[in-house]
Every structure is written in C-alpha cells, then in structure tokens.
Protein backbone atom coordinates (compact mmCIF):
# COMPACT_ATOMS: atom_id res chain seq x y z
CA MET A 1 16.83 -11.44 -13.89
CA ASN A 2 16.03 -14.45 -16.18
CA ALA A 3 15.43 -14.35 -19.93
CA HIS A 4 11.66 -14.15 -19.54
CA SER A 5 11.90 -11.17 -17.20
CA LEU A 6 14.30 -9.47 -19.55
CA ARG A 7 11.88 -9.91 -22.46
CA SER A 8 8.99 -8.56 -20.41
CA LEU A 9 11.00 -5.53 -19.49
CA ALA A 10 11.66 -4.89 -23.19
CA VAL A 11 14.56 -2.57 -22.62
CA PHE A 12 17.33 -2.79 -25.16
CA LEU A 13 20.81 -1.42 -24.64
CA VAL A 14 22.38 0.77 -27.27
CA LEU A 15 25.68 -0.78 -28.22
CA GLN A 16 26.68 1.68 -30.92
CA ALA A 17 29.88 3.62 -30.46
CA ALA A 18 27.83 6.83 -30.21
CA LEU A 19 26.80 5.84 -26.72
CA PRO A 20 29.38 6.07 -23.91
CA GLY A 21 30.67 2.82 -22.48
CA ALA A 22 29.39 0.50 -25.22
CA ASP A 23 31.64 -2.38 -24.15
CA ALA A 24 30.50 -2.02 -20.57
CA LEU A 25 26.87 -2.02 -21.68
CA ALA A 26 27.41 -5.21 -23.63
CA LEU A 27 28.79 -6.81 -20.48
CA VAL A 28 25.75 -5.63 -18.55
CA ALA A 29 23.50 -7.15 -21.18
CA ARG A 30 25.24 -10.51 -20.89
CA ARG A 31 24.61 -10.44 -17.14
CA GLY A 32 20.90 -9.96 -17.84
CA GLU A 33 20.59 -6.37 -16.63
CA ALA A 34 18.43 -4.09 -18.75
CA ILE A 35 19.85 -0.66 -17.95
CA ASP A 36 23.19 0.79 -16.95
CA VAL A 37 23.48 3.33 -14.13
CA ARG A 38 26.97 4.56 -13.34
CA GLY A 39 27.96 7.56 -11.29
CA GLY A 40 24.35 8.62 -11.03
CA ARG A 41 23.89 8.64 -14.82
CA LEU A 42 21.69 6.37 -16.92
CA THR A 43 22.31 4.96 -20.40
CA ALA A 44 19.74 2.78 -22.22
CA VAL A 45 17.13 2.68 -24.93
CA ILE A 46 13.77 1.79 -23.43
CA VAL A 47 11.17 0.39 -25.81
CA GLU A 48 7.62 -0.26 -24.63
CA SER A 49 8.73 -1.05 -21.09
CA PRO A 50 6.03 -1.48 -18.41
CA LEU A 51 6.32 1.65 -16.30
CA LEU A 52 6.33 -0.13 -12.94
CA THR A 53 8.98 -2.64 -14.03
CA LEU A 54 11.20 0.13 -15.33
CA LEU A 55 10.93 2.07 -12.06
CA GLN A 56 11.90 -1.05 -10.14
CA ALA A 57 15.06 -1.40 -12.20
CA ILE A 58 16.03 2.25 -11.81
CA ALA A 59 15.34 2.20 -8.08
CA ARG A 60 17.50 -0.88 -7.66
CA GLN A 61 20.46 0.42 -9.66
CA GLY A 62 20.16 4.14 -8.99
CA GLY A 63 19.90 4.04 -5.21
CA VAL A 64 16.66 6.03 -5.18
CA GLU A 65 13.59 4.99 -3.20
CA ILE A 66 10.42 5.41 -5.25
CA PHE A 67 7.21 5.49 -3.21
CA LEU A 68 3.99 4.74 -5.05
CA HIS A 69 0.80 6.39 -3.82
CA ALA A 70 -0.97 5.42 -7.04
CA SER A 71 -1.11 2.42 -9.33
CA LEU A 72 0.95 2.76 -12.50
CA GLU A 73 -0.12 1.41 -15.86
CA GLY A 74 1.07 1.73 -19.41
CA THR A 75 4.45 1.49 -21.09
CA VAL A 76 7.35 3.84 -21.75
CA SER A 77 9.60 4.27 -24.80
CA VAL A 78 12.49 6.69 -24.37
CA THR A 79 16.23 6.93 -25.04
CA PHE A 80 18.75 7.89 -22.37
CA ARG A 81 22.33 8.75 -23.29
CA ASP A 82 24.40 9.26 -20.15
CA VAL A 83 21.80 11.46 -18.45
CA PRO A 84 21.40 12.03 -14.68
CA VAL A 85 19.03 9.58 -13.01
CA GLU A 86 16.97 12.53 -11.77
CA GLU A 87 16.43 13.81 -15.32
CA ALA A 88 15.54 10.33 -16.54
CA LEU A 89 12.94 9.91 -13.80
CA ARG A 90 11.42 13.31 -14.51
CA ARG A 91 10.99 12.33 -18.15
CA ILE A 92 9.57 8.92 -17.33
CA LEU A 93 7.14 10.36 -14.77
CA SER A 94 6.19 13.44 -16.77
CA THR A 95 2.55 12.33 -17.02
CA THR A 96 2.20 11.69 -13.28
CA ASN A 97 2.15 13.87 -10.18
CA ALA A 98 5.66 13.16 -8.86
CA VAL A 99 7.49 14.86 -5.97
CA PHE A 100 11.30 14.68 -5.82
CA ILE A 101 13.05 14.78 -2.43
CA TYR A 102 16.70 15.58 -1.96
CA SER A 103 19.07 14.81 0.88
CA GLN A 104 22.53 15.90 1.94
CA PRO A 105 25.06 13.04 1.74
CA SER A 106 26.80 12.52 5.08
CA SER A 107 30.13 12.31 3.28
CA ALA A 108 29.67 15.86 2.00
CA ARG A 109 29.64 17.48 5.40
CA ALA A 110 33.33 18.08 5.35
CA GLY A 111 33.32 19.54 1.84
CA THR A 112 31.17 21.29 -0.70
CA PRO A 113 27.47 20.59 -0.13
CA GLN A 114 25.70 18.72 -2.91
CA ALA A 115 22.08 17.66 -2.59
CA ARG A 116 21.27 14.28 -4.12
CA LEU A 117 17.97 12.78 -5.11
CA SER A 118 16.99 10.24 -2.45
CA GLU A 119 13.22 9.73 -2.78
CA VAL A 120 10.51 10.10 -5.39
CA HIS A 121 6.85 10.03 -4.41
CA VAL A 122 4.31 9.33 -7.15
CA TYR A 123 0.75 10.51 -6.54
CA PRO A 124 -2.41 10.17 -8.64
CA GLY A 125 -2.05 12.12 -11.88
CA SER A 126 -3.60 12.23 -15.31
CA THR A 127 -2.72 8.60 -16.06
CA THR A 128 -2.82 7.04 -12.61
CA THR A 129 -5.41 5.58 -10.29
CA ALA A 130 -5.24 6.14 -6.54
CA THR A 131 -4.57 3.23 -4.24
CA PRO A 132 -5.27 3.29 -0.48
CA VAL A 133 -1.83 2.20 0.70
CA PRO A 134 1.47 3.61 -0.56
CA GLY A 135 4.12 1.17 -1.69
CA VAL A 136 7.85 1.51 -2.17
CA VAL A 137 9.75 0.45 -5.27
CA ARG A 138 13.10 -1.14 -4.48
CA GLY A 139 13.23 -4.08 -6.88
CA ALA A 140 11.14 -7.10 -7.69
CA GLU A 141 7.98 -7.40 -5.65
CA THR A 142 7.93 -10.00 -2.87
CA PRO A 143 5.08 -12.51 -3.19
CA MET A 144 2.51 -12.05 -0.44
CA ALA A 145 0.97 -14.85 1.60
CA SER A 146 -2.65 -15.76 0.91
CA GLU A 147 -5.26 -14.03 3.05
CA THR A 148 -6.04 -17.27 4.87
CA THR A 149 -2.40 -17.90 5.67
CA LYS A 150 -1.91 -14.29 6.72
CA THR A 151 -4.87 -14.50 9.11
CA GLN A 152 -3.47 -17.66 10.69
CA LEU A 153 -0.01 -16.19 11.06
CA THR A 154 -1.44 -13.01 12.54
CA ALA A 155 -3.38 -15.01 15.13
CA GLU A 156 -0.34 -17.06 16.11
CA ALA A 157 1.93 -14.03 16.34
CA THR A 158 -0.66 -12.13 18.38
CA LYS A 159 -0.86 -14.99 20.86
CA ASP A 160 2.91 -14.99 21.30
CA LEU A 161 3.11 -11.20 21.50
CA LEU A 162 0.64 -10.98 24.37
CA GLY A 163 1.35 -14.24 26.15
CA ALA A 164 4.88 -15.52 25.59
CA GLU A 165 7.13 -15.47 28.63
CA LEU A 166 10.37 -15.10 26.72
CA ARG A 167 11.25 -11.60 25.60
CA VAL A 168 12.77 -12.87 22.36
CA SER A 169 9.51 -14.60 21.48
CA ARG A 170 7.50 -11.42 22.01
CA LYS A 171 9.97 -9.40 19.92
CA HIS A 172 9.84 -11.95 17.12
CA ALA A 173 6.04 -11.91 17.23
CA ALA A 174 5.98 -8.12 16.88
CA GLN A 175 8.37 -8.28 13.94
CA THR A 176 6.19 -10.90 12.28
CA LEU A 177 3.09 -8.76 12.66
CA GLY A 178 4.87 -5.85 11.04
CA ARG A 179 5.93 -7.94 8.05
CA LEU A 180 2.48 -9.46 7.52
CA GLY A 181 0.90 -6.06 6.93
CA ASP A 182 -2.41 -7.06 8.57
CA LEU A 183 -4.10 -3.99 10.07
CA ASN A 184 -5.79 -6.27 12.61
CA ALA A 185 -2.40 -6.33 14.33
CA ILE A 186 -2.70 -2.68 15.35
CA GLY A 187 -4.80 -3.60 18.39
CA PRO A 188 -2.44 -6.14 19.97
CA LEU A 189 0.62 -4.08 19.07
CA SER A 190 -0.95 -1.06 20.77
CA GLN A 191 -1.76 -3.19 23.81
CA THR A 192 1.89 -4.24 23.97
CA LEU A 193 2.96 -0.60 24.10
CA LEU A 194 0.84 -0.14 27.22
CA GLN A 195 1.55 -3.32 29.12
CA ASP A 196 4.97 -4.70 28.20
CA GLU A 197 7.63 -3.54 30.62
CA ASP A 198 10.51 -4.52 28.35
CA GLY A 199 11.70 -1.56 26.29
CA THR A 200 13.09 -3.77 23.53
CA VAL A 201 9.71 -5.43 23.04
CA ARG A 202 7.99 -2.03 22.91
CA LEU A 203 10.60 -0.95 20.39
CA SER A 204 9.80 -3.94 18.17
CA ALA A 205 6.09 -3.15 18.45
CA ILE A 206 6.74 0.47 17.47
CA LYS A 207 8.68 -0.55 14.38
CA ALA A 208 5.92 -3.00 13.44
CA LEU A 209 3.29 -0.27 13.70
CA GLY A 210 5.43 1.94 11.51
CA ALA A 211 5.73 -0.82 8.93
CA LEU A 212 1.93 -1.01 8.72
CA ARG A 213 1.84 2.65 7.55
CA SER A 214 -1.71 3.15 8.81
CA GLU A 215 -3.43 6.23 10.18
CA GLN A 216 -5.07 3.93 12.70
CA ALA A 217 -1.72 3.63 14.45
CA VAL A 218 -1.37 7.38 15.07
CA GLY A 219 -3.30 7.36 18.38
CA PRO A 220 -1.30 4.65 20.18
CA LEU A 221 1.97 5.93 18.73
CA ALA A 222 1.23 9.47 19.89
CA GLY A 223 0.75 8.30 23.46
CA VAL A 224 4.11 6.54 23.46
CA LEU A 225 5.91 9.47 21.86
CA LEU A 226 4.87 11.82 24.62
CA ALA A 227 5.11 9.48 27.60
CA ASP A 228 7.47 6.52 27.16
CA PRO A 229 10.53 6.77 29.46
CA ASP A 230 12.82 5.03 26.96
CA LEU A 231 14.69 7.43 24.67
CA GLU A 232 15.19 4.87 21.91
CA VAL A 233 11.50 3.97 21.96
CA ARG A 234 10.46 7.63 21.65
CA GLU A 235 12.86 8.18 18.76
CA ALA A 236 11.54 5.11 16.92
CA THR A 237 7.99 6.28 17.61
CA ALA A 238 8.62 9.60 15.90
CA ASN A 239 9.99 7.74 12.88
CA ALA A 240 6.94 5.44 12.86
CA LEU A 241 4.55 8.39 12.98
CA GLY A 242 6.24 9.81 9.92
CA LYS A 243 5.55 6.57 8.06
CA THR A 244 1.79 6.94 8.60
CA TRP A 245 1.73 9.96 6.25
CA SER A 246 -1.10 11.31 8.38
CA THR A 247 -1.91 14.91 9.24
CA MET A 248 -3.13 13.55 12.58
CA ALA A 249 0.51 12.98 13.49
CA VAL A 250 1.37 16.69 13.26
CA ALA A 251 0.18 17.59 16.77
CA PRO A 252 2.11 14.94 18.76
CA LEU A 253 5.19 15.35 16.58
CA THR A 254 5.09 19.11 17.09
CA GLN A 255 4.84 18.65 20.85
CA ALA A 256 7.82 16.29 20.82
CA LEU A 257 9.80 18.69 18.64
CA GLN A 258 9.18 21.53 21.07
CA GLN A 259 9.35 19.73 24.41
CA ASP A 260 11.32 16.48 24.35
CA SER A 261 14.56 16.67 26.31
CA SER A 262 16.41 14.47 23.81
CA ALA A 263 17.87 16.02 20.67
CA LEU A 264 17.63 12.63 18.95
CA VAL A 265 13.88 12.53 19.52
CA ARG A 266 13.44 16.15 18.43
CA GLU A 267 15.43 15.49 15.26
CA ALA A 268 13.31 12.41 14.47
CA ALA A 269 10.16 14.44 15.12
CA ALA A 270 11.33 17.17 12.75
CA ARG A 271 12.03 14.74 9.93
CA ALA A 272 8.71 12.95 10.53
CA LEU A 273 6.85 16.25 10.29
CA GLY A 274 8.21 16.59 6.80
CA SER A 275 6.68 13.23 5.93
CA THR A 276 3.19 14.50 6.83
CA TRP A 277 3.34 17.04 3.97
CA ASP A 278 1.07 19.23 6.11
CA GLU A 279 1.29 23.03 6.02
CA ALA A 280 0.52 23.03 9.74
CA ALA A 281 4.03 21.63 10.29
CA VAL A 282 5.76 24.61 8.68
CA ASP A 283 5.61 27.04 11.61
CA PRO A 284 6.97 24.63 14.27
CA LEU A 285 9.69 23.53 11.86
CA VAL A 286 10.65 27.14 11.18
CA GLN A 287 10.81 27.73 14.91
CA ALA A 288 13.04 24.69 15.39
CA LEU A 289 15.30 25.73 12.54
CA SER A 290 15.65 29.18 14.06
CA SER A 291 16.01 28.41 17.74
CA ASP A 292 16.65 24.76 18.65
CA PRO A 293 20.00 24.56 20.49
CA ASN A 294 21.05 21.34 18.78
CA PRO A 295 22.40 21.49 15.20
CA ARG A 296 21.09 18.01 14.37
CA VAL A 297 17.56 19.21 15.11
CA ARG A 298 18.04 22.39 13.08
CA GLU A 299 19.41 20.34 10.19
CA GLY A 300 16.44 17.93 10.38
CA ALA A 301 14.01 20.85 10.44
CA ALA A 302 15.60 22.36 7.34
CA ARG A 303 15.32 19.08 5.48
CA ALA A 304 11.68 18.66 6.49
CA LEU A 305 10.88 22.17 5.27
CA GLY A 306 12.39 21.25 1.94
CA VAL A 307 10.19 18.17 1.74
CA ILE A 308 7.02 20.14 2.45
CA GLY A 309 8.08 22.83 0.01
CA ASP A 310 6.00 25.68 1.43
CA SER A 311 7.15 29.12 0.32
CA ARG A 312 6.77 30.44 3.86
CA ALA A 313 9.93 28.54 4.72
CA VAL A 314 12.19 30.36 2.25
CA SER A 315 13.08 33.22 4.59
CA ALA A 316 13.91 30.94 7.54
CA VAL A 317 15.96 28.60 5.37
CA ALA A 318 17.83 31.56 3.89
CA ASN A 319 18.62 32.81 7.40
CA ALA A 320 19.99 29.37 8.24
CA LEU A 321 22.74 29.92 5.68
CA SER A 322 24.39 31.92 8.49
CA ASP A 323 23.96 29.21 11.12
CA VAL A 324 26.99 28.68 13.35
CA HIS A 325 27.14 24.99 12.44
CA PRO A 326 28.33 23.86 8.98
CA TRP A 327 25.91 20.94 8.83
CA VAL A 328 22.97 23.30 9.13
CA ARG A 329 24.40 25.73 6.60
CA GLU A 330 24.99 22.95 4.09
CA GLN A 331 21.52 21.50 4.50
CA ALA A 332 19.97 24.97 4.26
CA ALA A 333 21.82 25.62 1.02
CA ALA A 334 20.60 22.35 -0.48
CA VAL A 335 17.02 22.94 0.65
CA LEU A 336 16.97 26.54 -0.50
CA ALA A 337 18.06 25.47 -3.97
CA VAL A 338 15.17 23.01 -4.07
CA LEU A 339 12.61 25.50 -2.74
CA LEU A 340 13.57 28.10 -5.30
CA LYS A 341 13.02 25.57 -8.11
CA ARG A 342 9.41 25.04 -7.13
C-alpha cells in the first residue's frame, strides 16, 4: 500500500502503551499497513475510513471472505482494542443487513471443536443500495478491461473454445471466458458441456460458468450435474451451481444429494444447497444429515443448514450431536451454537 492509499484509508494506529503490542503496531505502520490483525484479533483506531476500503483491509488480514450483494458507501470511525475480528465486523456492519457464516477448521477435527468466522455476506440494508451481481472482498480491486476489449477477448476465446483442436487451447479459452465475466459466454460454455468429449475441457467450462455467478447458467449446469459420467465434473458442477445463488438450483442439487452414487458429489450438492439460502433446501438437507451413509455428506448437510439458519433444522442438528462420526458431531455442535444465536 503506497502513501496515497494509506492517506485515503485514513486509519491511524494507536501507539500509546494502553494498547497491546504498541511496538508491533509501529512496525506495521512503517510497512504501510493500516490495521493489525493477530490471532484473530484486531487493534486500530479507524477515523473516517471509506467502508469498502476498510473491509478490503480486514478481509485481507483477517482471512475472512466478505461477499457484497450491495454497494457500500459512507465512512466509519471506530476504535478497536484487541477485539475479535468477528466483533469488529459486526460493529462496522451494524447499519447493514449482514449474515455471518462459520466453518469448522479441518485442524480441529482431532480436538475440541471451535467454529470460526469464514464468510460475511452483506445485503441491502438501511444505508446500502442493491447491485445485480454480488462481489467478493479479498483486497484491492483488480482493474477491469474496457467493454470493447472484453468483447474482443470474448469473441477470440469463444472461437478457440469451440474450434481449437488442441485440448489445452480449449481449456485456456474456457478459463479466459470465466475471468472476463461476460455473460455472453454462457452460450458457448454451455455448448462445450454438450459437445466436448474431453472431461478436462468440460471441467474448465464448468468452473468458468461458476465464476460468472449467473442464474442463466443454472439450466446447462443442472443437465451436467445429473448426467455427466465424469465424477470430478459432477462435483465441480454442484459447486458452480452454489455460486449462482439461485433458488432454481435447489431442484437439481436436491436430486444429486439424494441420488448420486458418489459421496463427493453429494457432499458438494449439500454445501451448494446452503448457498441458495432457500427454505426449500431445508428438508432434503435434514434428510441427508439424518440418513446419508457417508459422514462427509452428513457434515456438509449440517454446515449448509447452519448457513440457511432455518429453525426447523434445530432438532435434526441436535440429534446429530450423537452421530457415530466425530466430524459430524463437531460440525453439528458448531452449527447448533450458531442456530441458537439467531
């Protein structure tokens, strides 16, 4: 971060002895960082900081993905003295409609379960304006190509995707279309799913469709999820459907959760159902949590139920505290704690 960016952020570190780690904070300031996050705790004095810029800094240092489903304006002034990142974010986002999602660290499976904040989703609230496409805050925004350049690149990549003889060229073309974010790519990517015999090319097309995060991709993705012979492709398709945030994805994901022979696909379908935020997903997830033979699927179903946050799931999640597998019990405990807070 250069000096200009630091001034625009307008976040000043407290260097008084009253704050913990003053010497460390001074070192951070010399490196150009505006806040200090250590061990999941935040220390800083924030003065008239642009809200979006501040979230970018916390997401980068705190290891939390912040998804924006609304534009954020205004500034924030607040003091943090060695407080948990979760608490800091709740204070910063107190005037918005924010949903906090927790996950079970893989390293905790062998010990005491401890849910950690992994995602925050910000929706239109009293001070926000809705935007049609959700974004994700991870750090500084990447400059986008001009519309003219994007159109040209889309046309070139589409030509390679549908006509190149080399597999690597078709895969690269699919990846390019996903990065460009042009919804006109949905058509050729969908065509690739139907006609390309190479599973790795179809996999690249699936990931590109997921990156577009569009409801328009649900139809072609649903067909692949229920019919593609490649296990890895079906698993990636379930993940991509979750990224569309569409209630239209509930039906194919439910069918995959209930019928796919692969536990990996069923687990991906369960987690993706949580990303739809649809109450219609609660019953199939409860069923999977209660009866799926694979613990990974049951664990994924528990997590998804925690994301949706429907009170109908409390009983099933509580029952899962007695599951034969420790992973499921640990996830159920973490999810139940979250559900009971809502």
